[in-house]
Structure formats: structure tokens, C-alpha cells
Amino acid sequence: MKSNKKKINPFLKWAGGKRWMVAGYGDIFPSFDGKYIEPFLGSGAVFFHINPGKGIIADLNKELITTYKAIKENHYLVKDAILDIKNNKIDYYDIRSWEPREEHKIAARFIYLNRTCWNGLYRVNLKGKFNVPKGSKCIEDYPDDNFSLIADALQKVTIRQSDFKKTIGAAREGDLVFADPPYTVRHNNNGFIQYNENMFSWKNQVELSKSLSRAVQRGCKIISTNANHSSVRELYNNDLFDIQEVSRYSSISSKKSTRNKYQEIIIKSKV
């Protein structure tokens, strides 16, 4: 999809993010007349790549959605709060234990932790507290963001904390749905379902395939990503979808020797 719009870089690093997809397969996204719908937002790499004129972007992660809304509503306050953390060189673990109430400060904390924690991983403990250790990067290592450009893109869409079924259910004829559920690319064929259970259960996988199938039947265009596993492929092995195998490099590992290329699939509606 060619566009004259200015390039917008995602402001978050996200495990499982789709920067690689935008870089290598950016032309796979079809043109569409309706809304852009994304139920698993994460870093929003595809959203920022397409930069749609209208749409719904959603995720269940409350802090993530609060961060997007804060940038949309007042990106100046968010950036000032980040600079306050950076310029005062506040300790990582003090920020991790900080519990601000104002949305722009919640956003600043979220962005700071995302950029300085280990590999940009988002993980919470049983009490719902972020518990990822400090990584090797400092926030000074990152260039300045164009929060103004990011905010402009966000003005055109609705941002929701929402279940994927509800978000996809809002898609109508002419809309494009991009669904990138949580999944692992590190699995053997026998352990895939069990390995993924805490991330995105097999029940969720089945419900997602049904939600996407219903959306196609309503006249929506679908692009979805998933692990290249026989059980997943079988969910989409029908007259509604085509499946394309792709490879990408994964660096989310503590050992260089275990970082490698992994097979994934892109699921596309035939219409």
C-alpha cells in the first residue's frame, strides 16, 4: 500500500511486535474503504504503517491503552513527564514501584519502563504489578519521538480497552481487521498448545478464528498473524482464508545462541 503520509515510528518496543512485518511485507495490506480495526494493539507498528483515516484500536492491557489515550489527548504533558524522569535520573526500580494516578504520568512511566526494562517485555506478577528487571539500555539511548505526529494519527481513531471478540465484532463491510494475537514462535510441534496456554489459550485461538470468519462473512478484509503450527493452520484451512508462510528473526532471548529465524504465518481473507 503506497502512501504519501509521513512515516511514523512506533514509540514502544513490544515482544511479538510487527516492525519486521511492516519492513518486509508492508505491501501485503490491502486497500479498504471502511475503518481500520486492530484488537491486539501492542506497539501499533501496523497501525502507524497504515495510518488510517478512521478506525478502532484496542487491547486488554489497561496501562497500554491509558498511554495511547494520554498521548492522543495531551502529548506535551506525556513528553514533559518522560523528560522529568530522564533529566532527574530517577532509579529504574523506583519508577517500577511508582503508582501515579494522572494519565500523562502513567503514560510516562509505561514508556520509560518499556524502553529501559529487559527487551521491552511486559510482564506482571500475580498482584498485577510490573516485575520485569532493568535492561541494558538507558532512555538516553533513544532518539526523540515525534509525539505530535503520533498524536495526530491517534486523533482519527477510537481507542478502547476491550476484548478481541468485542473489537472484531464492531467490524463491518469494507473494514480491514488486523489481528496479531499473543503467540510464541519457540515451540516444538508437540508442546505448542501447552506452551501458549498462559499467553493466549487454545480456547482463545478457536474463538479468534470464529470471530475472524464471521467478520469475513460480513464483508470485512482480514490480515492476521500466528505461529506456523498445524493446529493453527487447521483453524483457517477453509474457503475464507489463504495462508502464507514467512520467516522473521527473533531476538527475545537471554542467550545469543538461541536467537534465530522462526516460521510464522500470515492469514489473509480471500475476498
C-alpha atoms as a PDB file:
ATOM      1  CA  MET A   1       0.000   0.000   0.000  1.00  0.00           C
ATOM      2  CA  LYS A   2       1.643   3.216  -1.186  1.00  0.00           C
ATOM      3  CA  SER A   3       1.064   6.405   0.738  1.00  0.00           C
ATOM      4  CA  ASN A   4       2.238   9.990   0.790  1.00  0.00           C
ATOM      5  CA  LYS A   5       1.759  10.194   4.542  1.00  0.00           C
ATOM      6  CA  LYS A   6       4.742  10.869   6.776  1.00  0.00           C
ATOM      7  CA  LYS A   7       6.357   7.792   8.256  1.00  0.00           C
ATOM      8  CA  ILE A   8       5.504   7.280  11.919  1.00  0.00           C
ATOM      9  CA  ASN A   9       7.745   5.100  14.057  1.00  0.00           C
ATOM     10  CA  PRO A  10       6.135   3.204  16.947  1.00  0.00           C
ATOM     11  CA  PHE A  11       7.076   4.712  20.287  1.00  0.00           C
ATOM     12  CA  LEU A  12       7.084   1.337  22.071  1.00  0.00           C
ATOM     13  CA  LYS A  13       9.175  -1.801  21.751  1.00  0.00           C
ATOM     14  CA  TRP A  14       6.935  -4.845  22.032  1.00  0.00           C
ATOM     15  CA  ALA A  15       7.627  -8.578  22.307  1.00  0.00           C
ATOM     16  CA  GLY A  16       5.962 -10.073  19.252  1.00  0.00           C
ATOM     17  CA  GLY A  17       5.671  -6.633  17.634  1.00  0.00           C
ATOM     18  CA  LYS A  18       5.279  -6.402  13.873  1.00  0.00           C
ATOM     19  CA  ARG A  19       8.015  -3.995  12.805  1.00  0.00           C
ATOM     20  CA  TRP A  20       9.544  -6.908  10.869  1.00  0.00           C
ATOM     21  CA  MET A  21       6.252  -7.433   9.049  1.00  0.00           C
ATOM     22  CA  VAL A  22       5.919  -3.782   8.086  1.00  0.00           C
ATOM     23  CA  ALA A  23       9.551  -3.732   6.903  1.00  0.00           C
ATOM     24  CA  GLY A  24       9.403  -6.950   4.875  1.00  0.00           C
ATOM     25  CA  TYR A  25       5.752  -7.370   3.965  1.00  0.00           C
ATOM     26  CA  GLY A  26       4.332  -3.851   4.036  1.00  0.00           C
ATOM     27  CA  ASP A  27       2.618  -4.307   0.673  1.00  0.00           C
ATOM     28  CA  ILE A  28       0.509  -7.206   1.926  1.00  0.00           C
ATOM     29  CA  PHE A  29      -2.100  -4.873   3.421  1.00  0.00           C
ATOM     30  CA  PRO A  30      -4.993  -4.321   1.016  1.00  0.00           C
ATOM     31  CA  SER A  31      -6.724  -1.048   0.284  1.00  0.00           C
ATOM     32  CA  PHE A  32     -10.056  -0.634   2.056  1.00  0.00           C
ATOM     33  CA  ASP A  33     -12.905   1.857   2.164  1.00  0.00           C
ATOM     34  CA  GLY A  34     -14.065   1.469   5.761  1.00  0.00           C
ATOM     35  CA  LYS A  35     -12.484   1.521   9.208  1.00  0.00           C
ATOM     36  CA  TYR A  36      -9.215   0.006  10.378  1.00  0.00           C
ATOM     37  CA  ILE A  37      -9.780  -2.420  13.275  1.00  0.00           C
ATOM     38  CA  GLU A  38      -6.946  -3.746  15.475  1.00  0.00           C
ATOM     39  CA  PRO A  39      -7.863  -5.799  18.583  1.00  0.00           C
ATOM     40  CA  PHE A  40      -4.309  -6.577  19.844  1.00  0.00           C
ATOM     41  CA  LEU A  41      -2.607  -3.189  19.649  1.00  0.00           C
ATOM     42  CA  GLY A  42       0.798  -3.607  21.314  1.00  0.00           C
ATOM     43  CA  SER A  43       3.309  -1.231  19.725  1.00  0.00           C
ATOM     44  CA  GLY A  44       0.912  -0.416  16.902  1.00  0.00           C
ATOM     45  CA  ALA A  45       3.516  -0.987  14.168  1.00  0.00           C
ATOM     46  CA  VAL A  46       0.890  -1.886  11.561  1.00  0.00           C
ATOM     47  CA  PHE A  47      -1.476   0.877  12.676  1.00  0.00           C
ATOM     48  CA  PHE A  48       1.227   3.515  12.298  1.00  0.00           C
ATOM     49  CA  HIS A  49       2.303   1.998   8.962  1.00  0.00           C
ATOM     50  CA  ILE A  50      -1.221   2.250   7.544  1.00  0.00           C
ATOM     51  CA  ASN A  51      -2.117   5.461   9.440  1.00  0.00           C
ATOM     52  CA  PRO A  52      -5.820   5.077   8.642  1.00  0.00           C
ATOM     53  CA  GLY A  53      -8.344   7.873   8.368  1.00  0.00           C
ATOM     54  CA  LYS A  54     -10.701   6.174  10.830  1.00  0.00           C
ATOM     55  CA  GLY A  55     -10.794   3.067  12.951  1.00  0.00           C
ATOM     56  CA  ILE A  56     -10.773   1.316  16.306  1.00  0.00           C
ATOM     57  CA  ILE A  57      -7.565   0.263  18.048  1.00  0.00           C
ATOM     58  CA  ALA A  58      -7.865  -1.810  21.202  1.00  0.00           C
ATOM     59  CA  ASP A  59      -6.121  -4.017  23.725  1.00  0.00           C
ATOM     60  CA  LEU A  60      -6.910  -5.553  27.113  1.00  0.00           C
ATOM     61  CA  ASN A  61      -3.792  -4.021  28.686  1.00  0.00           C
ATOM     62  CA  LYS A  62      -5.136  -1.094  30.711  1.00  0.00           C
ATOM     63  CA  GLU A  63      -1.819   0.748  31.105  1.00  0.00           C
ATOM     64  CA  LEU A  64      -1.088   0.396  27.399  1.00  0.00           C
ATOM     65  CA  ILE A  65      -4.452   1.870  26.431  1.00  0.00           C
ATOM     66  CA  THR A  66      -4.095   4.644  29.019  1.00  0.00           C
ATOM     67  CA  THR A  67      -0.748   5.504  27.435  1.00  0.00           C
ATOM     68  CA  TYR A  68      -2.204   5.776  23.936  1.00  0.00           C
ATOM     69  CA  LYS A  69      -5.101   7.893  25.203  1.00  0.00           C
ATOM     70  CA  ALA A  70      -2.764  10.205  27.131  1.00  0.00           C
ATOM     71  CA  ILE A  71      -0.661  10.842  24.029  1.00  0.00           C
ATOM     72  CA  LYS A  72      -3.798  11.437  21.984  1.00  0.00           C
ATOM     73  CA  GLU A  73      -5.223  13.910  24.488  1.00  0.00           C
ATOM     74  CA  ASN A  74      -2.080  15.776  25.616  1.00  0.00           C
ATOM     75  CA  HIS A  75       1.233  14.526  24.263  1.00  0.00           C
ATOM     76  CA  TYR A  76       3.085  17.576  25.633  1.00  0.00           C
ATOM     77  CA  LEU A  77       2.377  16.553  29.214  1.00  0.00           C
ATOM     78  CA  VAL A  78       3.495  12.980  28.485  1.00  0.00           C
ATOM     79  CA  LYS A  79       6.790  14.094  26.980  1.00  0.00           C
ATOM     80  CA  ASP A  80       7.460  16.559  29.803  1.00  0.00           C
ATOM     81  CA  ALA A  81       6.881  13.786  32.355  1.00  0.00           C
ATOM     82  CA  ILE A  82       9.300  11.480  30.498  1.00  0.00           C
ATOM     83  CA  LEU A  83      11.925  14.238  30.410  1.00  0.00           C
ATOM     84  CA  ASP A  84      11.401  14.797  34.121  1.00  0.00           C
ATOM     85  CA  ILE A  85      12.286  11.159  34.789  1.00  0.00           C
ATOM     86  CA  LYS A  86      15.224  11.276  32.366  1.00  0.00           C
ATOM     87  CA  ASN A  87      16.708  14.588  33.483  1.00  0.00           C
ATOM     88  CA  ASN A  88      16.455  13.762  37.183  1.00  0.00           C
ATOM     89  CA  LYS A  89      17.976  10.307  36.579  1.00  0.00           C
ATOM     90  CA  ILE A  90      15.458   8.565  38.825  1.00  0.00           C
ATOM     91  CA  ASP A  91      16.353   4.941  39.607  1.00  0.00           C
ATOM     92  CA  TYR A  92      14.672   2.296  37.422  1.00  0.00           C
ATOM     93  CA  TYR A  93      13.306   0.348  40.391  1.00  0.00           C
ATOM     94  CA  ASP A  94      11.890   3.498  41.974  1.00  0.00           C
ATOM     95  CA  ILE A  95       9.974   4.130  38.753  1.00  0.00           C
ATOM     96  CA  ARG A  96       8.873   0.499  38.602  1.00  0.00           C
ATOM     97  CA  SER A  97       7.325   0.782  42.085  1.00  0.00           C
ATOM     98  CA  TRP A  98       5.780   4.200  41.371  1.00  0.00           C
ATOM     99  CA  GLU A  99       1.967   4.226  41.070  1.00  0.00           C
ATOM    100  CA  PRO A 100       0.911   7.546  39.531  1.00  0.00           C
ATOM    101  CA  ARG A 101      -2.764   8.388  39.113  1.00  0.00           C
ATOM    102  CA  GLU A 102      -2.646  11.073  36.435  1.00  0.00           C
ATOM    103  CA  GLU A 103      -2.894   9.631  32.932  1.00  0.00           C
ATOM    104  CA  HIS A 104       0.082  11.515  31.489  1.00  0.00           C
ATOM    105  CA  LYS A 105       2.283  10.274  34.332  1.00  0.00           C
ATOM    106  CA  ILE A 106       1.002   6.706  33.915  1.00  0.00           C
ATOM    107  CA  ALA A 107       1.968   7.018  30.246  1.00  0.00           C
ATOM    108  CA  ALA A 108       5.418   8.414  31.057  1.00  0.00           C
ATOM    109  CA  ARG A 109       6.102   5.584  33.499  1.00  0.00           C
ATOM    110  CA  PHE A 110       4.900   2.993  30.971  1.00  0.00           C
ATOM    111  CA  ILE A 111       7.108   4.364  28.183  1.00  0.00           C
ATOM    112  CA  TYR A 112      10.129   4.695  30.456  1.00  0.00           C
ATOM    113  CA  LEU A 113       9.819   1.109  31.702  1.00  0.00           C
ATOM    114  CA  ASN A 114       9.214  -0.191  28.197  1.00  0.00           C
ATOM    115  CA  ARG A 115      12.443   1.385  26.980  1.00  0.00           C
ATOM    116  CA  THR A 116      14.666   0.518  29.905  1.00  0.00           C
ATOM    117  CA  CYS A 117      13.408  -2.898  31.015  1.00  0.00           C
ATOM    118  CA  TRP A 118      14.791  -6.165  29.672  1.00  0.00           C
ATOM    119  CA  ASN A 119      13.962  -6.494  25.952  1.00  0.00           C
ATOM    120  CA  GLY A 120      10.866  -4.319  26.180  1.00  0.00           C
ATOM    121  CA  LEU A 121       8.987  -7.192  27.788  1.00  0.00           C
ATOM    122  CA  TYR A 122       5.657  -6.531  29.508  1.00  0.00           C
ATOM    123  CA  ARG A 123       5.019  -8.900  32.412  1.00  0.00           C
ATOM    124  CA  VAL A 124       3.193  -8.601  35.723  1.00  0.00           C
ATOM    125  CA  ASN A 125       3.150 -10.750  38.848  1.00  0.00           C
ATOM    126  CA  LEU A 126       0.112 -12.336  40.474  1.00  0.00           C
ATOM    127  CA  LYS A 127      -0.738  -8.996  42.086  1.00  0.00           C
ATOM    128  CA  GLY A 128      -0.759  -7.307  38.690  1.00  0.00           C
ATOM    129  CA  LYS A 129       2.483  -5.420  39.358  1.00  0.00           C
ATOM    130  CA  PHE A 130       5.028  -4.927  36.581  1.00  0.00           C
ATOM    131  CA  ASN A 131       8.063  -7.036  37.523  1.00  0.00           C
ATOM    132  CA  VAL A 132      10.476  -7.082  34.573  1.00  0.00           C
ATOM    133  CA  PRO A 133      14.094  -6.368  35.615  1.00  0.00           C
ATOM    134  CA  LYS A 134      16.187  -3.493  34.285  1.00  0.00           C
ATOM    135  CA  GLY A 135      17.722  -3.994  30.862  1.00  0.00           C
ATOM    136  CA  SER A 136      20.999  -2.738  29.430  1.00  0.00           C
ATOM    137  CA  LYS A 137      19.640   0.398  27.704  1.00  0.00           C
ATOM    138  CA  CYS A 138      19.083   3.840  29.137  1.00  0.00           C
ATOM    139  CA  ILE A 139      16.286   6.085  27.947  1.00  0.00           C
ATOM    140  CA  GLU A 140      19.003   8.439  26.657  1.00  0.00           C
ATOM    141  CA  ASP A 141      19.825   5.778  24.039  1.00  0.00           C
ATOM    142  CA  TYR A 142      16.558   6.510  22.226  1.00  0.00           C
ATOM    143  CA  PRO A 143      16.045   9.394  19.792  1.00  0.00           C
ATOM    144  CA  ASP A 144      13.368  11.972  20.418  1.00  0.00           C
ATOM    145  CA  ASP A 145       9.904  10.847  19.408  1.00  0.00           C
ATOM    146  CA  ASN A 146       7.627  12.859  17.206  1.00  0.00           C
ATOM    147  CA  PHE A 147       4.764  12.711  19.688  1.00  0.00           C
ATOM    148  CA  SER A 148       2.950  15.413  17.753  1.00  0.00           C
ATOM    149  CA  LEU A 149       2.805  13.230  14.640  1.00  0.00           C
ATOM    150  CA  ILE A 150       1.791  10.223  16.738  1.00  0.00           C
ATOM    151  CA  ALA A 151      -0.968  12.229  18.421  1.00  0.00           C
ATOM    152  CA  ASP A 152      -2.254  13.413  15.035  1.00  0.00           C
ATOM    153  CA  ALA A 153      -2.607   9.799  13.879  1.00  0.00           C
ATOM    154  CA  LEU A 154      -4.442   8.878  17.076  1.00  0.00           C
ATOM    155  CA  GLN A 155      -6.966  11.702  16.687  1.00  0.00           C
ATOM    156  CA  LYS A 156      -8.562   9.796  13.807  1.00  0.00           C
ATOM    157  CA  VAL A 157      -9.331   6.590  15.695  1.00  0.00           C
ATOM    158  CA  THR A 158     -11.234   5.361  18.740  1.00  0.00           C
ATOM    159  CA  ILE A 159      -9.013   3.818  21.430  1.00  0.00           C
ATOM    160  CA  ARG A 160     -10.562   1.139  23.627  1.00  0.00           C
ATOM    161  CA  GLN A 161      -9.634  -1.243  26.409  1.00  0.00           C
ATOM    162  CA  SER A 162     -11.577  -4.159  25.016  1.00  0.00           C
ATOM    163  CA  ASP A 163     -11.771  -7.901  24.469  1.00  0.00           C
ATOM    164  CA  PHE A 164     -10.809  -9.007  20.956  1.00  0.00           C
ATOM    165  CA  LYS A 165     -14.237 -10.530  20.307  1.00  0.00           C
ATOM    166  CA  LYS A 166     -15.991  -7.232  21.007  1.00  0.00           C
ATOM    167  CA  THR A 167     -13.493  -5.280  18.918  1.00  0.00           C
ATOM    168  CA  ILE A 168     -13.707  -7.599  15.900  1.00  0.00           C
ATOM    169  CA  GLY A 169     -17.470  -7.697  16.356  1.00  0.00           C
ATOM    170  CA  ALA A 170     -17.556  -3.957  15.612  1.00  0.00           C
ATOM    171  CA  ALA A 171     -16.092  -4.518  12.117  1.00  0.00           C
ATOM    172  CA  ARG A 172     -18.463  -4.066   9.201  1.00  0.00           C
ATOM    173  CA  GLU A 173     -18.422  -4.422   5.429  1.00  0.00           C
ATOM    174  CA  GLY A 174     -15.494  -2.565   3.893  1.00  0.00           C
ATOM    175  CA  ASP A 175     -13.411  -2.557   7.104  1.00  0.00           C
ATOM    176  CA  LEU A 176      -9.901  -4.003   7.442  1.00  0.00           C
ATOM    177  CA  VAL A 177      -9.178  -6.104  10.535  1.00  0.00           C
ATOM    178  CA  PHE A 178      -5.569  -6.727  11.523  1.00  0.00           C
ATOM    179  CA  ALA A 179      -5.311  -9.329  14.294  1.00  0.00           C
ATOM    180  CA  ASP A 180      -1.966 -10.137  15.907  1.00  0.00           C
ATOM    181  CA  PRO A 181      -2.744 -12.316  18.950  1.00  0.00           C
ATOM    182  CA  PRO A 182      -0.094 -13.268  21.523  1.00  0.00           C
ATOM    183  CA  TYR A 183       1.749 -16.429  20.479  1.00  0.00           C
ATOM    184  CA  THR A 184       5.166 -17.972  20.766  1.00  0.00           C
ATOM    185  CA  VAL A 185       7.442 -18.877  17.892  1.00  0.00           C
ATOM    186  CA  ARG A 186       9.606 -21.001  20.216  1.00  0.00           C
ATOM    187  CA  HIS A 187       7.856 -24.310  20.327  1.00  0.00           C
ATOM    188  CA  ASN A 188       8.164 -27.875  19.216  1.00  0.00           C
ATOM    189  CA  ASN A 189       5.223 -29.422  17.430  1.00  0.00           C
ATOM    190  CA  ASN A 190       4.080 -31.348  20.492  1.00  0.00           C
ATOM    191  CA  GLY A 191       4.303 -28.525  23.011  1.00  0.00           C
ATOM    192  CA  PHE A 192       2.767 -25.588  21.176  1.00  0.00           C
ATOM    193  CA  ILE A 193      -0.675 -25.584  22.815  1.00  0.00           C
ATOM    194  CA  GLN A 194       0.601 -26.145  26.353  1.00  0.00           C
ATOM    195  CA  TYR A 195       3.401 -23.571  25.925  1.00  0.00           C
ATOM    196  CA  ASN A 196       0.937 -20.903  24.797  1.00  0.00           C
ATOM    197  CA  GLU A 197      -1.780 -21.596  27.359  1.00  0.00           C
ATOM    198  CA  ASN A 198      -0.860 -18.756  29.720  1.00  0.00           C
ATOM    199  CA  MET A 199      -0.332 -16.273  26.873  1.00  0.00           C
ATOM    200  CA  PHE A 200      -3.339 -16.935  24.681  1.00  0.00           C
ATOM    201  CA  SER A 201      -5.194 -20.151  25.354  1.00  0.00           C
ATOM    202  CA  TRP A 202      -6.294 -22.653  22.751  1.00  0.00           C
ATOM    203  CA  LYS A 203      -9.879 -21.665  23.526  1.00  0.00           C
ATOM    204  CA  ASN A 204      -8.907 -18.084  22.644  1.00  0.00           C
ATOM    205  CA  GLN A 205      -7.355 -19.288  19.381  1.00  0.00           C
ATOM    206  CA  VAL A 206     -10.567 -21.067  18.430  1.00  0.00           C
ATOM    207  CA  GLU A 207     -12.696 -18.044  19.380  1.00  0.00           C
ATOM    208  CA  LEU A 208     -10.414 -15.760  17.356  1.00  0.00           C
ATOM    209  CA  SER A 209     -10.736 -17.915  14.240  1.00  0.00           C
ATOM    210  CA  LYS A 210     -14.516 -17.878  14.594  1.00  0.00           C
ATOM    211  CA  SER A 211     -14.590 -14.101  15.131  1.00  0.00           C
ATOM    212  CA  LEU A 212     -12.452 -13.532  12.036  1.00  0.00           C
ATOM    213  CA  SER A 213     -14.543 -15.931   9.980  1.00  0.00           C
ATOM    214  CA  ARG A 214     -17.727 -14.092  10.919  1.00  0.00           C
ATOM    215  CA  ALA A 215     -16.067 -10.789  10.030  1.00  0.00           C
ATOM    216  CA  VAL A 216     -15.184 -12.104   6.557  1.00  0.00           C
ATOM    217  CA  GLN A 217     -18.771 -13.214   6.102  1.00  0.00           C
ATOM    218  CA  ARG A 218     -19.871  -9.653   6.952  1.00  0.00           C
ATOM    219  CA  GLY A 219     -17.692  -8.336   4.137  1.00  0.00           C
ATOM    220  CA  CYS A 220     -14.541  -7.390   6.068  1.00  0.00           C
ATOM    221  CA  LYS A 221     -10.974  -7.840   4.871  1.00  0.00           C
ATOM    222  CA  ILE A 222      -8.714  -9.771   7.261  1.00  0.00           C
ATOM    223  CA  ILE A 223      -4.979  -9.911   7.854  1.00  0.00           C
ATOM    224  CA  SER A 224      -3.881 -11.975  10.837  1.00  0.00           C
ATOM    225  CA  THR A 225      -0.614 -13.430  12.092  1.00  0.00           C
ATOM    226  CA  ASN A 226       0.104 -16.555  14.080  1.00  0.00           C
ATOM    227  CA  ALA A 227       2.564 -19.357  14.745  1.00  0.00           C
ATOM    228  CA  ASN A 228       3.228 -21.729  11.877  1.00  0.00           C
ATOM    229  CA  HIS A 229       1.736 -24.750  13.568  1.00  0.00           C
ATOM    230  CA  SER A 230      -0.531 -27.409  12.116  1.00  0.00           C
ATOM    231  CA  SER A 231      -3.225 -26.928  14.770  1.00  0.00           C
ATOM    232  CA  VAL A 232      -3.454 -23.201  13.985  1.00  0.00           C
ATOM    233  CA  ARG A 233      -3.398 -23.751  10.237  1.00  0.00           C
ATOM    234  CA  GLU A 234      -6.326 -26.147  10.522  1.00  0.00           C
ATOM    235  CA  LEU A 235      -8.445 -23.396  12.084  1.00  0.00           C
ATOM    236  CA  TYR A 236      -8.132 -21.347   8.881  1.00  0.00           C
ATOM    237  CA  ASN A 237      -7.993 -24.163   6.339  1.00  0.00           C
ATOM    238  CA  ASN A 238     -11.229 -23.260   4.609  1.00  0.00           C
ATOM    239  CA  ASP A 239     -12.665 -21.287   1.702  1.00  0.00           C
ATOM    240  CA  LEU A 240     -12.405 -17.950   3.549  1.00  0.00           C
ATOM    241  CA  PHE A 241      -8.644 -17.638   4.024  1.00  0.00           C
ATOM    242  CA  ASP A 242      -5.267 -18.015   2.337  1.00  0.00           C
ATOM    243  CA  ILE A 243      -2.178 -18.801   4.428  1.00  0.00           C
ATOM    244  CA  GLN A 244       1.326 -17.531   3.658  1.00  0.00           C
ATOM    245  CA  GLU A 245       4.450 -18.764   5.460  1.00  0.00           C
ATOM    246  CA  VAL A 246       7.014 -16.122   6.440  1.00  0.00           C
ATOM    247  CA  SER A 247      10.268 -16.058   8.386  1.00  0.00           C
ATOM    248  CA  ARG A 248      11.448 -13.494  10.865  1.00  0.00           C
ATOM    249  CA  TYR A 249      14.361 -13.079  13.251  1.00  0.00           C
ATOM    250  CA  SER A 250      13.588 -13.217  16.962  1.00  0.00           C
ATOM    251  CA  SER A 251      15.957 -11.596  19.469  1.00  0.00           C
ATOM    252  CA  ILE A 252      13.846 -12.118  22.607  1.00  0.00           C
ATOM    253  CA  SER A 253      16.292 -14.443  24.318  1.00  0.00           C
ATOM    254  CA  SER A 254      18.875 -14.103  27.044  1.00  0.00           C
ATOM    255  CA  LYS A 255      21.329 -16.229  25.024  1.00  0.00           C
ATOM    256  CA  LYS A 256      22.632 -15.207  21.615  1.00  0.00           C
ATOM    257  CA  SER A 257      22.870 -18.870  20.620  1.00  0.00           C
ATOM    258  CA  THR A 258      19.078 -19.285  20.907  1.00  0.00           C
ATOM    259  CA  ARG A 259      18.217 -16.250  18.790  1.00  0.00           C
ATOM    260  CA  ASN A 260      17.187 -17.446  15.368  1.00  0.00           C
ATOM    261  CA  LYS A 261      14.758 -17.230  12.477  1.00  0.00           C
ATOM    262  CA  TYR A 262      11.295 -18.596  13.129  1.00  0.00           C
ATOM    263  CA  GLN A 263       8.442 -19.532  10.850  1.00  0.00           C
ATOM    264  CA  GLU A 264       5.146 -17.703  11.213  1.00  0.00           C
ATOM    265  CA  ILE A 265       2.042 -17.453   9.074  1.00  0.00           C
ATOM    266  CA  ILE A 266       0.087 -14.556   7.650  1.00  0.00           C
ATOM    267  CA  ILE A 267      -3.608 -15.364   7.300  1.00  0.00           C
ATOM    268  CA  LYS A 268      -5.445 -13.375   4.634  1.00  0.00           C
ATOM    269  CA  SER A 269      -9.095 -13.294   3.687  1.00  0.00           C
ATOM    270  CA  LYS A 270      -9.680 -14.318   0.089  1.00  0.00           C
ATOM    271  CA  VAL A 271     -12.142 -11.510  -0.625  1.00  0.00           C
END
